[in-house]
Each structure stands twice: as C-alpha cells, then as structure tokens.
Amino acid sequence: MALCGSVYEEDDPFAALYDPELDTWTARPAPPRRLTSPAVVLADGRVLVVDASAGAFFDSASGTWDDAAIPDVRTVPGQYNPDALTVLEDGRVLLSMGLSTFVFTP
C-alpha cells in the first residue's frame, strides 16, 4: 500500500493499494490526515501507518481508517519521523525514530 503520496501541505492526503501480481494501483479512502512515514501490515490484516505525531490503522476489508494513538514524539529531543517499523513476534511494533526506538502495542 502506498499512502498519502506527498509531504507538501497543499496536496490532499490520498491512499492507493498496489497489487504486485497484477501490477496495478487501486484508489482507497484517504487517511484522516497526511501520514508520510513507513507502514506495516499487522497480523490481523490492518495496516499501521505512523509519523512523528500521529498514527492510523487502515482496514482494507472495510476501507476505513482509525486512530492508532501513537504517542507524539516531537517533544523528545532528536526525534524525527519513523525510519522503520518492524512487527515483532508478539504483535507489538518496533518504531525506529531518529535517536530512539519505541515499542507500540496496537
């Protein structure tokens, strides 16, 4: 899934789903706000997308977005948008952000 597409404020957020078998893109409902960082697919099939101040879950079955309640890390010195997300065996997500690493429980 590719999300949001642009970091420019004048561009509207959008989402599109890529099917590698068909090599096609399909428009999906836009996220509630611009999210410009990594995404991971969780064990339950939802997609988690985060940035430095927010996160959202996308449920491809229903086509809906829900808030992920990611802590706002912009207040922590040296923090940036997430560099990488990794789903751990227990279902939690490891967020590598600038100089720190956080564990998030979806």
PDB file of N, CA and C in Angstrom:
ATOM      1  N   MET A   1       0.840  -1.168   0.000  1.00  0.00           N
ATOM      2  CA  MET A   1       0.000   0.000   0.000  1.00  0.00           C
ATOM      3  C   MET A   1       0.884   1.229   0.000  1.00  0.00           C
ATOM      4  N   ALA A   2       0.570   2.177  -0.833  1.00  0.00           N
ATOM      5  CA  ALA A   2       1.242   3.470  -0.829  1.00  0.00           C
ATOM      6  C   ALA A   2       0.254   4.463  -0.242  1.00  0.00           C
ATOM      7  N   LEU A   3       0.716   5.322   0.631  1.00  0.00           N
ATOM      8  CA  LEU A   3      -0.182   6.224   1.328  1.00  0.00           C
ATOM      9  C   LEU A   3       0.251   7.668   1.206  1.00  0.00           C
ATOM     10  N   CYS A   4      -0.710   8.536   1.094  1.00  0.00           N
ATOM     11  CA  CYS A   4      -0.531   9.981   1.198  1.00  0.00           C
ATOM     12  C   CYS A   4       0.205  10.589   0.026  1.00  0.00           C
ATOM     13  N   GLY A   5       1.229   9.998  -0.461  1.00  0.00           N
ATOM     14  CA  GLY A   5       1.850  10.395  -1.703  1.00  0.00           C
ATOM     15  C   GLY A   5       2.678  11.657  -1.714  1.00  0.00           C
ATOM     16  N   SER A   6       2.468  12.581  -0.814  1.00  0.00           N
ATOM     17  CA  SER A   6       3.177  13.849  -0.874  1.00  0.00           C
ATOM     18  C   SER A   6       3.337  14.439   0.517  1.00  0.00           C
ATOM     19  N   VAL A   7       4.438  15.116   0.742  1.00  0.00           N
ATOM     20  CA  VAL A   7       4.667  15.782   2.022  1.00  0.00           C
ATOM     21  C   VAL A   7       4.293  17.255   1.963  1.00  0.00           C
ATOM     22  N   TYR A   8       3.840  17.734   0.814  1.00  0.00           N
ATOM     23  CA  TYR A   8       3.508  19.142   0.659  1.00  0.00           C
ATOM     24  C   TYR A   8       2.123  19.437   1.209  1.00  0.00           C
ATOM     25  N   GLU A   9       2.024  20.476   2.031  1.00  0.00           N
ATOM     26  CA  GLU A   9       0.774  20.828   2.685  1.00  0.00           C
ATOM     27  C   GLU A   9      -0.359  21.091   1.698  1.00  0.00           C
ATOM     28  N   GLU A  10      -0.055  21.608   0.517  1.00  0.00           N
ATOM     29  CA  GLU A  10      -1.112  21.934  -0.439  1.00  0.00           C
ATOM     30  C   GLU A  10      -1.700  20.703  -1.123  1.00  0.00           C
ATOM     31  N   ASP A  11      -1.049  19.549  -0.985  1.00  0.00           N
ATOM     32  CA  ASP A  11      -1.557  18.315  -1.586  1.00  0.00           C
ATOM     33  C   ASP A  11      -2.490  17.607  -0.612  1.00  0.00           C
ATOM     34  N   ASP A  12      -3.609  17.147  -1.119  1.00  0.00           N
ATOM     35  CA  ASP A  12      -4.550  16.406  -0.281  1.00  0.00           C
ATOM     36  C   ASP A  12      -3.997  15.016   0.017  1.00  0.00           C
ATOM     37  N   PRO A  13      -4.265  14.481   1.217  1.00  0.00           N
ATOM     38  CA  PRO A  13      -3.854  13.113   1.518  1.00  0.00           C
ATOM     39  C   PRO A  13      -4.608  12.135   0.607  1.00  0.00           C
ATOM     40  N   PHE A  14      -3.966  11.041   0.263  1.00  0.00           N
ATOM     41  CA  PHE A  14      -4.638  10.001  -0.506  1.00  0.00           C
ATOM     42  C   PHE A  14      -4.004   8.668  -0.183  1.00  0.00           C
ATOM     43  N   ALA A  15      -4.672   7.610  -0.584  1.00  0.00           N
ATOM     44  CA  ALA A  15      -4.142   6.266  -0.396  1.00  0.00           C
ATOM     45  C   ALA A  15      -4.412   5.459  -1.655  1.00  0.00           C
ATOM     46  N   ALA A  16      -3.504   4.556  -1.953  1.00  0.00           N
ATOM     47  CA  ALA A  16      -3.683   3.655  -3.090  1.00  0.00           C
ATOM     48  C   ALA A  16      -3.094   2.304  -2.719  1.00  0.00           C
ATOM     49  N   LEU A  17      -3.727   1.263  -3.167  1.00  0.00           N
ATOM     50  CA  LEU A  17      -3.300  -0.102  -2.882  1.00  0.00           C
ATOM     51  C   LEU A  17      -2.630  -0.679  -4.126  1.00  0.00           C
ATOM     52  N   TYR A  18      -1.421  -1.192  -3.953  1.00  0.00           N
ATOM     53  CA  TYR A  18      -0.675  -1.789  -5.068  1.00  0.00           C
ATOM     54  C   TYR A  18      -0.827  -3.296  -5.039  1.00  0.00           C
ATOM     55  N   ASP A  19      -1.166  -3.890  -6.179  1.00  0.00           N
ATOM     56  CA  ASP A  19      -1.250  -5.344  -6.321  1.00  0.00           C
ATOM     57  C   ASP A  19      -0.069  -5.786  -7.181  1.00  0.00           C
ATOM     58  N   PRO A  20       0.960  -6.387  -6.562  1.00  0.00           N
ATOM     59  CA  PRO A  20       2.155  -6.752  -7.332  1.00  0.00           C
ATOM     60  C   PRO A  20       1.892  -7.850  -8.369  1.00  0.00           C
ATOM     61  N   GLU A  21       0.893  -8.702  -8.134  1.00  0.00           N
ATOM     62  CA  GLU A  21       0.595  -9.751  -9.111  1.00  0.00           C
ATOM     63  C   GLU A  21       0.015  -9.172 -10.392  1.00  0.00           C
ATOM     64  N   LEU A  22      -0.816  -8.154 -10.260  1.00  0.00           N
ATOM     65  CA  LEU A  22      -1.438  -7.529 -11.425  1.00  0.00           C
ATOM     66  C   LEU A  22      -0.698  -6.269 -11.873  1.00  0.00           C
ATOM     67  N   ASP A  23       0.264  -5.795 -11.032  1.00  0.00           N
ATOM     68  CA  ASP A  23       0.991  -4.554 -11.299  1.00  0.00           C
ATOM     69  C   ASP A  23       0.019  -3.392 -11.504  1.00  0.00           C
ATOM     70  N   THR A  24      -0.954  -3.285 -10.574  1.00  0.00           N
ATOM     71  CA  THR A  24      -1.957  -2.224 -10.663  1.00  0.00           C
ATOM     72  C   THR A  24      -2.089  -1.485  -9.338  1.00  0.00           C
ATOM     73  N   TRP A  25      -2.569  -0.249  -9.420  1.00  0.00           N
ATOM     74  CA  TRP A  25      -2.866   0.580  -8.259  1.00  0.00           C
ATOM     75  C   TRP A  25      -4.363   0.815  -8.212  1.00  0.00           C
ATOM     76  N   THR A  26      -4.951   0.742  -7.004  1.00  0.00           N
ATOM     77  CA  THR A  26      -6.371   0.997  -6.809  1.00  0.00           C
ATOM     78  C   THR A  26      -6.524   2.051  -5.722  1.00  0.00           C
ATOM     79  N   ALA A  27      -7.274   3.108  -6.042  1.00  0.00           N
ATOM     80  CA  ALA A  27      -7.503   4.171  -5.053  1.00  0.00           C
ATOM     81  C   ALA A  27      -8.273   3.607  -3.869  1.00  0.00           C
ATOM     82  N   ARG A  28      -7.929   4.042  -2.672  1.00  0.00           N
ATOM     83  CA  ARG A  28      -8.586   3.656  -1.434  1.00  0.00           C
ATOM     84  C   ARG A  28      -8.979   4.941  -0.707  1.00  0.00           C
ATOM     85  N   PRO A  29      -9.829   4.874   0.309  1.00  0.00           N
ATOM     86  CA  PRO A  29     -10.196   6.079   1.057  1.00  0.00           C
ATOM     87  C   PRO A  29      -8.952   6.756   1.652  1.00  0.00           C
ATOM     88  N   ALA A  30      -8.948   8.072   1.627  1.00  0.00           N
ATOM     89  CA  ALA A  30      -7.814   8.841   2.152  1.00  0.00           C
ATOM     90  C   ALA A  30      -7.737   8.722   3.664  1.00  0.00           C
ATOM     91  N   PRO A  31      -6.521   8.764   4.220  1.00  0.00           N
ATOM     92  CA  PRO A  31      -6.383   8.756   5.678  1.00  0.00           C
ATOM     93  C   PRO A  31      -6.922  10.060   6.265  1.00  0.00           C
ATOM     94  N   PRO A  32      -7.167  10.074   7.577  1.00  0.00           N
ATOM     95  CA  PRO A  32      -7.726  11.267   8.207  1.00  0.00           C
ATOM     96  C   PRO A  32      -6.786  12.462   8.193  1.00  0.00           C
ATOM     97  N   ARG A  33      -5.512  12.217   7.994  1.00  0.00           N
ATOM     98  CA  ARG A  33      -4.515  13.295   7.918  1.00  0.00           C
ATOM     99  C   ARG A  33      -3.344  12.789   7.099  1.00  0.00           C
ATOM    100  N   ARG A  34      -2.473  13.674   6.716  1.00  0.00           N
ATOM    101  CA  ARG A  34      -1.291  13.297   5.930  1.00  0.00           C
ATOM    102  C   ARG A  34      -0.348  12.474   6.796  1.00  0.00           C
ATOM    103  N   LEU A  35      -0.031  11.288   6.367  1.00  0.00           N
ATOM    104  CA  LEU A  35       0.916  10.405   7.054  1.00  0.00           C
ATOM    105  C   LEU A  35       1.990  10.053   6.034  1.00  0.00           C
ATOM    106  N   THR A  36       3.222  10.414   6.332  1.00  0.00           N
ATOM    107  CA  THR A  36       4.262  10.323   5.302  1.00  0.00           C
ATOM    108  C   THR A  36       5.404   9.383   5.654  1.00  0.00           C
ATOM    109  N   SER A  37       5.175   8.478   6.560  1.00  0.00           N
ATOM    110  CA  SER A  37       6.248   7.602   7.011  1.00  0.00           C
ATOM    111  C   SER A  37       5.914   6.143   6.733  1.00  0.00           C
ATOM    112  N   PRO A  38       6.746   5.224   7.236  1.00  0.00           N
ATOM    113  CA  PRO A  38       6.576   3.808   6.914  1.00  0.00           C
ATOM    114  C   PRO A  38       5.229   3.229   7.346  1.00  0.00           C
ATOM    115  N   ALA A  39       4.900   2.109   6.726  1.00  0.00           N
ATOM    116  CA  ALA A  39       3.691   1.368   7.061  1.00  0.00           C
ATOM    117  C   ALA A  39       4.042  -0.105   7.186  1.00  0.00           C
ATOM    118  N   VAL A  40       3.303  -0.822   8.028  1.00  0.00           N
ATOM    119  CA  VAL A  40       3.475  -2.270   8.161  1.00  0.00           C
ATOM    120  C   VAL A  40       2.100  -2.920   8.204  1.00  0.00           C
ATOM    121  N   VAL A  41       2.053  -4.165   7.743  1.00  0.00           N
ATOM    122  CA  VAL A  41       0.833  -4.954   7.826  1.00  0.00           C
ATOM    123  C   VAL A  41       0.889  -5.750   9.126  1.00  0.00           C
ATOM    124  N   LEU A  42      -0.149  -5.610   9.947  1.00  0.00           N
ATOM    125  CA  LEU A  42      -0.228  -6.313  11.223  1.00  0.00           C
ATOM    126  C   LEU A  42      -0.819  -7.709  11.025  1.00  0.00           C
ATOM    127  N   ALA A  43      -0.687  -8.547  12.036  1.00  0.00           N
ATOM    128  CA  ALA A  43      -1.166  -9.927  11.959  1.00  0.00           C
ATOM    129  C   ALA A  43      -2.665 -10.008  11.664  1.00  0.00           C
ATOM    130  N   ASP A  44      -3.434  -9.009  12.114  1.00  0.00           N
ATOM    131  CA  ASP A  44      -4.876  -9.036  11.882  1.00  0.00           C
ATOM    132  C   ASP A  44      -5.271  -8.470  10.519  1.00  0.00           C
ATOM    133  N   GLY A  45      -4.271  -8.097   9.701  1.00  0.00           N
ATOM    134  CA  GLY A  45      -4.526  -7.602   8.348  1.00  0.00           C
ATOM    135  C   GLY A  45      -4.622  -6.103   8.223  1.00  0.00           C
ATOM    136  N   ARG A  46      -4.731  -5.393   9.350  1.00  0.00           N
ATOM    137  CA  ARG A  46      -4.746  -3.936   9.271  1.00  0.00           C
ATOM    138  C   ARG A  46      -3.352  -3.425   8.900  1.00  0.00           C
ATOM    139  N   VAL A  47      -3.316  -2.227   8.331  1.00  0.00           N
ATOM    140  CA  VAL A  47      -2.056  -1.566   8.019  1.00  0.00           C
ATOM    141  C   VAL A  47      -1.869  -0.442   9.027  1.00  0.00           C
ATOM    142  N   LEU A  48      -0.711  -0.401   9.678  1.00  0.00           N
ATOM    143  CA  LEU A  48      -0.375   0.671  10.604  1.00  0.00           C
ATOM    144  C   LEU A  48       0.542   1.633   9.890  1.00  0.00           C
ATOM    145  N   VAL A  49       0.166   2.921   9.896  1.00  0.00           N
ATOM    146  CA  VAL A  49       0.977   3.981   9.295  1.00  0.00           C
ATOM    147  C   VAL A  49       1.224   5.016  10.375  1.00  0.00           C
ATOM    148  N   VAL A  50       2.468   5.478  10.516  1.00  0.00           N
ATOM    149  CA  VAL A  50       2.779   6.450  11.561  1.00  0.00           C
ATOM    150  C   VAL A  50       3.649   7.574  11.021  1.00  0.00           C
ATOM    151  N   ASP A  51       3.660   8.668  11.769  1.00  0.00           N
ATOM    152  CA  ASP A  51       4.673   9.705  11.600  1.00  0.00           C
ATOM    153  C   ASP A  51       5.027  10.193  12.993  1.00  0.00           C
ATOM    154  N   ALA A  52       5.715  11.299  13.118  1.00  0.00           N
ATOM    155  CA  ALA A  52       6.227  11.723  14.421  1.00  0.00           C
ATOM    156  C   ALA A  52       5.140  12.152  15.390  1.00  0.00           C
ATOM    157  N   SER A  53       3.953  12.467  14.899  1.00  0.00           N
ATOM    158  CA  SER A  53       2.936  12.987  15.795  1.00  0.00           C
ATOM    159  C   SER A  53       1.623  12.219  15.787  1.00  0.00           C
ATOM    160  N   ALA A  54       1.493  11.220  14.946  1.00  0.00           N
ATOM    161  CA  ALA A  54       0.219  10.504  14.868  1.00  0.00           C
ATOM    162  C   ALA A  54       0.397   9.163  14.176  1.00  0.00           C
ATOM    163  N   GLY A  55      -0.643   8.387  14.248  1.00  0.00           N
ATOM    164  CA  GLY A  55      -0.661   7.115  13.544  1.00  0.00           C
ATOM    165  C   GLY A  55      -2.090   6.739  13.236  1.00  0.00           C
ATOM    166  N   ALA A  56      -2.255   5.844  12.268  1.00  0.00           N
ATOM    167  CA  ALA A  56      -3.590   5.402  11.899  1.00  0.00           C
ATOM    168  C   ALA A  56      -3.533   3.960  11.433  1.00  0.00           C
ATOM    169  N   PHE A  57      -4.637   3.267  11.664  1.00  0.00           N
ATOM    170  CA  PHE A  57      -4.816   1.910  11.161  1.00  0.00           C
ATOM    171  C   PHE A  57      -5.723   1.983   9.936  1.00  0.00           C
ATOM    172  N   PHE A  58      -5.363   1.253   8.890  1.00  0.00           N
ATOM    173  CA  PHE A  58      -6.244   1.118   7.734  1.00  0.00           C
ATOM    174  C   PHE A  58      -6.711  -0.323   7.670  1.00  0.00           C
ATOM    175  N   ASP A  59      -8.032  -0.513   7.620  1.00  0.00           N
ATOM    176  CA  ASP A  59      -8.617  -1.844   7.487  1.00  0.00           C
ATOM    177  C   ASP A  59      -9.049  -2.005   6.037  1.00  0.00           C
ATOM    178  N   SER A  60      -8.289  -2.811   5.273  1.00  0.00           N
ATOM    179  CA  SER A  60      -8.573  -2.930   3.843  1.00  0.00           C
ATOM    180  C   SER A  60      -9.902  -3.639   3.577  1.00  0.00           C
ATOM    181  N   ALA A  61     -10.360  -4.478   4.503  1.00  0.00           N
ATOM    182  CA  ALA A  61     -11.635  -5.173   4.308  1.00  0.00           C
ATOM    183  C   ALA A  61     -12.809  -4.195   4.329  1.00  0.00           C
ATOM    184  N   SER A  62     -12.775  -3.244   5.266  1.00  0.00           N
ATOM    185  CA  SER A  62     -13.875  -2.282   5.384  1.00  0.00           C
ATOM    186  C   SER A  62     -13.567  -0.959   4.683  1.00  0.00           C
ATOM    187  N   GLY A  63     -12.281  -0.724   4.357  1.00  0.00           N
ATOM    188  CA  GLY A  63     -11.893   0.534   3.719  1.00  0.00           C
ATOM    189  C   GLY A  63     -11.928   1.714   4.660  1.00  0.00           C
ATOM    190  N   THR A  64     -11.769   1.451   5.973  1.00  0.00           N
ATOM    191  CA  THR A  64     -11.866   2.524   6.959  1.00  0.00           C
ATOM    192  C   THR A  64     -10.528   2.768   7.654  1.00  0.00           C
ATOM    193  N   TRP A  65     -10.384   3.973   8.192  1.00  0.00           N
ATOM    194  CA  TRP A  65      -9.226   4.393   8.964  1.00  0.00           C
ATOM    195  C   TRP A  65      -9.645   4.599  10.406  1.00  0.00           C
ATOM    196  N   ASP A  66      -8.769   4.246  11.342  1.00  0.00           N
ATOM    197  CA  ASP A  66      -8.982   4.501  12.767  1.00  0.00           C
ATOM    198  C   ASP A  66      -7.695   5.053  13.364  1.00  0.00           C
ATOM    199  N   ASP A  67      -7.844   5.906  14.381  1.00  0.00           N
ATOM    200  CA  ASP A  67      -6.686   6.475  15.072  1.00  0.00           C
ATOM    201  C   ASP A  67      -5.896   5.366  15.759  1.00  0.00           C
ATOM    202  N   ALA A  68      -4.560   5.464  15.707  1.00  0.00           N
ATOM    203  CA  ALA A  68      -3.709   4.448  16.328  1.00  0.00           C
ATOM    204  C   ALA A  68      -3.165   4.874  17.683  1.00  0.00           C
ATOM    205  N   ALA A  69      -3.443   6.094  18.113  1.00  0.00           N
ATOM    206  CA  ALA A  69      -2.996   6.589  19.414  1.00  0.00           C
ATOM    207  C   ALA A  69      -1.493   6.429  19.622  1.00  0.00           C
ATOM    208  N   ILE A  70      -0.720   6.761  18.591  1.00  0.00           N
ATOM    209  CA  ILE A  70       0.741   6.769  18.687  1.00  0.00           C
ATOM    210  C   ILE A  70       1.140   7.986  19.532  1.00  0.00           C
ATOM    211  N   PRO A  71       2.061   7.824  20.497  1.00  0.00           N
ATOM    212  CA  PRO A  71       2.498   8.991  21.276  1.00  0.00           C
ATOM    213  C   PRO A  71       3.175  10.025  20.365  1.00  0.00           C
ATOM    214  N   ASP A  72       2.954  11.305  20.668  1.00  0.00           N
ATOM    215  CA  ASP A  72       3.588  12.384  19.910  1.00  0.00           C
ATOM    216  C   ASP A  72       5.024  12.499  20.383  1.00  0.00           C
ATOM    217  N   VAL A  73       5.980  12.074  19.558  1.00  0.00           N
ATOM    218  CA  VAL A  73       7.383  12.067  19.972  1.00  0.00           C
ATOM    219  C   VAL A  73       8.125  13.329  19.554  1.00  0.00           C
ATOM    220  N   ARG A  74       7.413  14.295  18.970  1.00  0.00           N
ATOM    221  CA  ARG A  74       8.093  15.531  18.563  1.00  0.00           C
ATOM    222  C   ARG A  74       8.648  16.292  19.753  1.00  0.00           C
ATOM    223  N   THR A  75       8.150  16.017  20.945  1.00  0.00           N
ATOM    224  CA  THR A  75       8.619  16.720  22.138  1.00  0.00           C
ATOM    225  C   THR A  75       9.906  16.113  22.693  1.00  0.00           C
ATOM    226  N   VAL A  76      10.336  14.970  22.165  1.00  0.00           N
ATOM    227  CA  VAL A  76      11.559  14.309  22.624  1.00  0.00           C
ATOM    228  C   VAL A  76      12.719  14.785  21.756  1.00  0.00           C
ATOM    229  N   PRO A  77      13.775  15.381  22.342  1.00  0.00           N
ATOM    230  CA  PRO A  77      14.895  15.867  21.533  1.00  0.00           C
ATOM    231  C   PRO A  77      15.485  14.756  20.658  1.00  0.00           C
ATOM    232  N   GLY A  78      15.807  15.116  19.422  1.00  0.00           N
ATOM    233  CA  GLY A  78      16.438  14.172  18.498  1.00  0.00           C
ATOM    234  C   GLY A  78      15.472  13.243  17.801  1.00  0.00           C
ATOM    235  N   GLN A  79      14.164  13.468  17.958  1.00  0.00           N
ATOM    236  CA  GLN A  79      13.194  12.579  17.325  1.00  0.00           C
ATOM    237  C   GLN A  79      12.761  13.123  15.972  1.00  0.00           C
ATOM    238  N   TYR A  80      12.488  12.224  15.093  1.00  0.00           N
ATOM    239  CA  TYR A  80      12.082  12.563  13.735  1.00  0.00           C
ATOM    240  C   TYR A  80      10.949  11.624  13.352  1.00  0.00           C
ATOM    241  N   ASN A  81      10.503  11.703  12.118  1.00  0.00           N
ATOM    242  CA  ASN A  81       9.553  10.716  11.632  1.00  0.00           C
ATOM    243  C   ASN A  81      10.185   9.344  11.733  1.00  0.00           C
ATOM    244  N   PRO A  82       9.375   8.313  11.893  1.00  0.00           N
ATOM    245  CA  PRO A  82       9.925   6.958  11.994  1.00  0.00           C
ATOM    246  C   PRO A  82      10.748   6.589  10.763  1.00  0.00           C
ATOM    247  N   ASP A  83      11.879   5.954  11.024  1.00  0.00           N
ATOM    248  CA  ASP A  83      12.731   5.469   9.940  1.00  0.00           C
ATOM    249  C   ASP A  83      12.279   4.091   9.492  1.00  0.00           C
ATOM    250  N   ALA A  84      11.800   3.300  10.451  1.00  0.00           N
ATOM    251  CA  ALA A  84      11.409   1.924  10.147  1.00  0.00           C
ATOM    252  C   ALA A  84      10.411   1.423  11.174  1.00  0.00           C
ATOM    253  N   LEU A  85       9.535   0.543  10.715  1.00  0.00           N
ATOM    254  CA  LEU A  85       8.592  -0.149  11.584  1.00  0.00           C
ATOM    255  C   LEU A  85       8.830  -1.638  11.405  1.00  0.00           C
ATOM    256  N   THR A  86       8.819  -2.371  12.505  1.00  0.00           N
ATOM    257  CA  THR A  86       9.008  -3.813  12.452  1.00  0.00           C
ATOM    258  C   THR A  86       7.962  -4.472  13.338  1.00  0.00           C
ATOM    259  N   VAL A  87       7.206  -5.394  12.783  1.00  0.00           N
ATOM    260  CA  VAL A  87       6.234  -6.140  13.584  1.00  0.00           C
ATOM    261  C   VAL A  87       6.981  -7.252  14.311  1.00  0.00           C
ATOM    262  N   LEU A  88       6.858  -7.269  15.635  1.00  0.00           N
ATOM    263  CA  LEU A  88       7.515  -8.283  16.451  1.00  0.00           C
ATOM    264  C   LEU A  88       6.645  -9.537  16.542  1.00  0.00           C
ATOM    265  N   GLU A  89       7.236 -10.646  16.953  1.00  0.00           N
ATOM    266  CA  GLU A  89       6.511 -11.920  17.025  1.00  0.00           C
ATOM    267  C   GLU A  89       5.275 -11.847  17.918  1.00  0.00           C
ATOM    268  N   ASP A  90       5.330 -11.011  18.965  1.00  0.00           N
ATOM    269  CA  ASP A  90       4.193 -10.915  19.883  1.00  0.00           C
ATOM    270  C   ASP A  90       3.118  -9.929  19.412  1.00  0.00           C
ATOM    271  N   GLY A  91       3.298  -9.349  18.208  1.00  0.00           N
ATOM    272  CA  GLY A  91       2.305  -8.446  17.644  1.00  0.00           C
ATOM    273  C   GLY A  91       2.575  -6.981  17.885  1.00  0.00           C
ATOM    274  N   ARG A  92       3.478  -6.668  18.831  1.00  0.00           N
ATOM    275  CA  ARG A  92       3.831  -5.263  19.037  1.00  0.00           C
ATOM    276  C   ARG A  92       4.655  -4.776  17.850  1.00  0.00           C
ATOM    277  N   VAL A  93       4.812  -3.459  17.752  1.00  0.00           N
ATOM    278  CA  VAL A  93       5.544  -2.869  16.633  1.00  0.00           C
ATOM    279  C   VAL A  93       6.715  -2.062  17.169  1.00  0.00           C
ATOM    280  N   LEU A  94       7.892  -2.324  16.635  1.00  0.00           N
ATOM    281  CA  LEU A  94       9.104  -1.594  16.974  1.00  0.00           C
ATOM    282  C   LEU A  94       9.217  -0.415  16.020  1.00  0.00           C
ATOM    283  N   LEU A  95       9.282   0.806  16.590  1.00  0.00           N
ATOM    284  CA  LEU A  95       9.402   2.022  15.797  1.00  0.00           C
ATOM    285  C   LEU A  95      10.796   2.599  15.990  1.00  0.00           C
ATOM    286  N   SER A  96      11.564   2.674  14.952  1.00  0.00           N
ATOM    287  CA  SER A  96      12.872   3.309  14.995  1.00  0.00           C
ATOM    288  C   SER A  96      12.687   4.754  14.566  1.00  0.00           C
ATOM    289  N   MET A  97      12.972   5.690  15.517  1.00  0.00           N
ATOM    290  CA  MET A  97      12.719   7.110  15.274  1.00  0.00           C
ATOM    291  C   MET A  97      13.932   7.931  15.652  1.00  0.00           C
ATOM    292  N   GLY A  98      14.667   8.392  14.663  1.00  0.00           N
ATOM    293  CA  GLY A  98      15.808   9.240  14.953  1.00  0.00           C
ATOM    294  C   GLY A  98      16.805   8.559  15.852  1.00  0.00           C
ATOM    295  N   LEU A  99      16.969   9.068  17.072  1.00  0.00           N
ATOM    296  CA  LEU A  99      17.954   8.547  18.005  1.00  0.00           C
ATOM    297  C   LEU A  99      17.387   7.516  18.970  1.00  0.00           C
ATOM    298  N   SER A 100      16.099   7.211  18.862  1.00  0.00           N
ATOM    299  CA  SER A 100      15.471   6.316  19.825  1.00  0.00           C
ATOM    300  C   SER A 100      14.658   5.226  19.148  1.00  0.00           C
ATOM    301  N   THR A 101      14.307   4.240  19.944  1.00  0.00           N
ATOM    302  CA  THR A 101      13.435   3.167  19.497  1.00  0.00           C
ATOM    303  C   THR A 101      12.296   3.055  20.488  1.00  0.00           C
ATOM    304  N   PHE A 102      11.076   2.903  19.982  1.00  0.00           N
ATOM    305  CA  PHE A 102       9.900   2.774  20.802  1.00  0.00           C
ATOM    306  C   PHE A 102       9.186   1.482  20.458  1.00  0.00           C
ATOM    307  N   VAL A 103       8.460   0.923  21.419  1.00  0.00           N
ATOM    308  CA  VAL A 103       7.629  -0.254  21.171  1.00  0.00           C
ATOM    309  C   VAL A 103       6.175   0.194  21.342  1.00  0.00           C
ATOM    310  N   PHE A 104       5.362  -0.100  20.339  1.00  0.00           N
ATOM    311  CA  PHE A 104       3.959   0.286  20.330  1.00  0.00           C
ATOM    312  C   PHE A 104       3.097  -0.973  20.308  1.00  0.00           C
ATOM    313  N   THR A 105       2.080  -1.017  21.149  1.00  0.00           N
ATOM    314  CA  THR A 105       1.145  -2.132  21.174  1.00  0.00           C
ATOM    315  C   THR A 105      -0.141  -1.708  20.481  1.00  0.00           C
ATOM    316  N   PRO A 106      -0.415  -2.279  19.292  1.00  0.00           N
ATOM    317  CA  PRO A 106      -1.641  -1.904  18.566  1.00  0.00           C
ATOM    318  C   PRO A 106      -2.895  -2.345  19.288  1.00  0.00           C
TER     319      PRO A 106
END
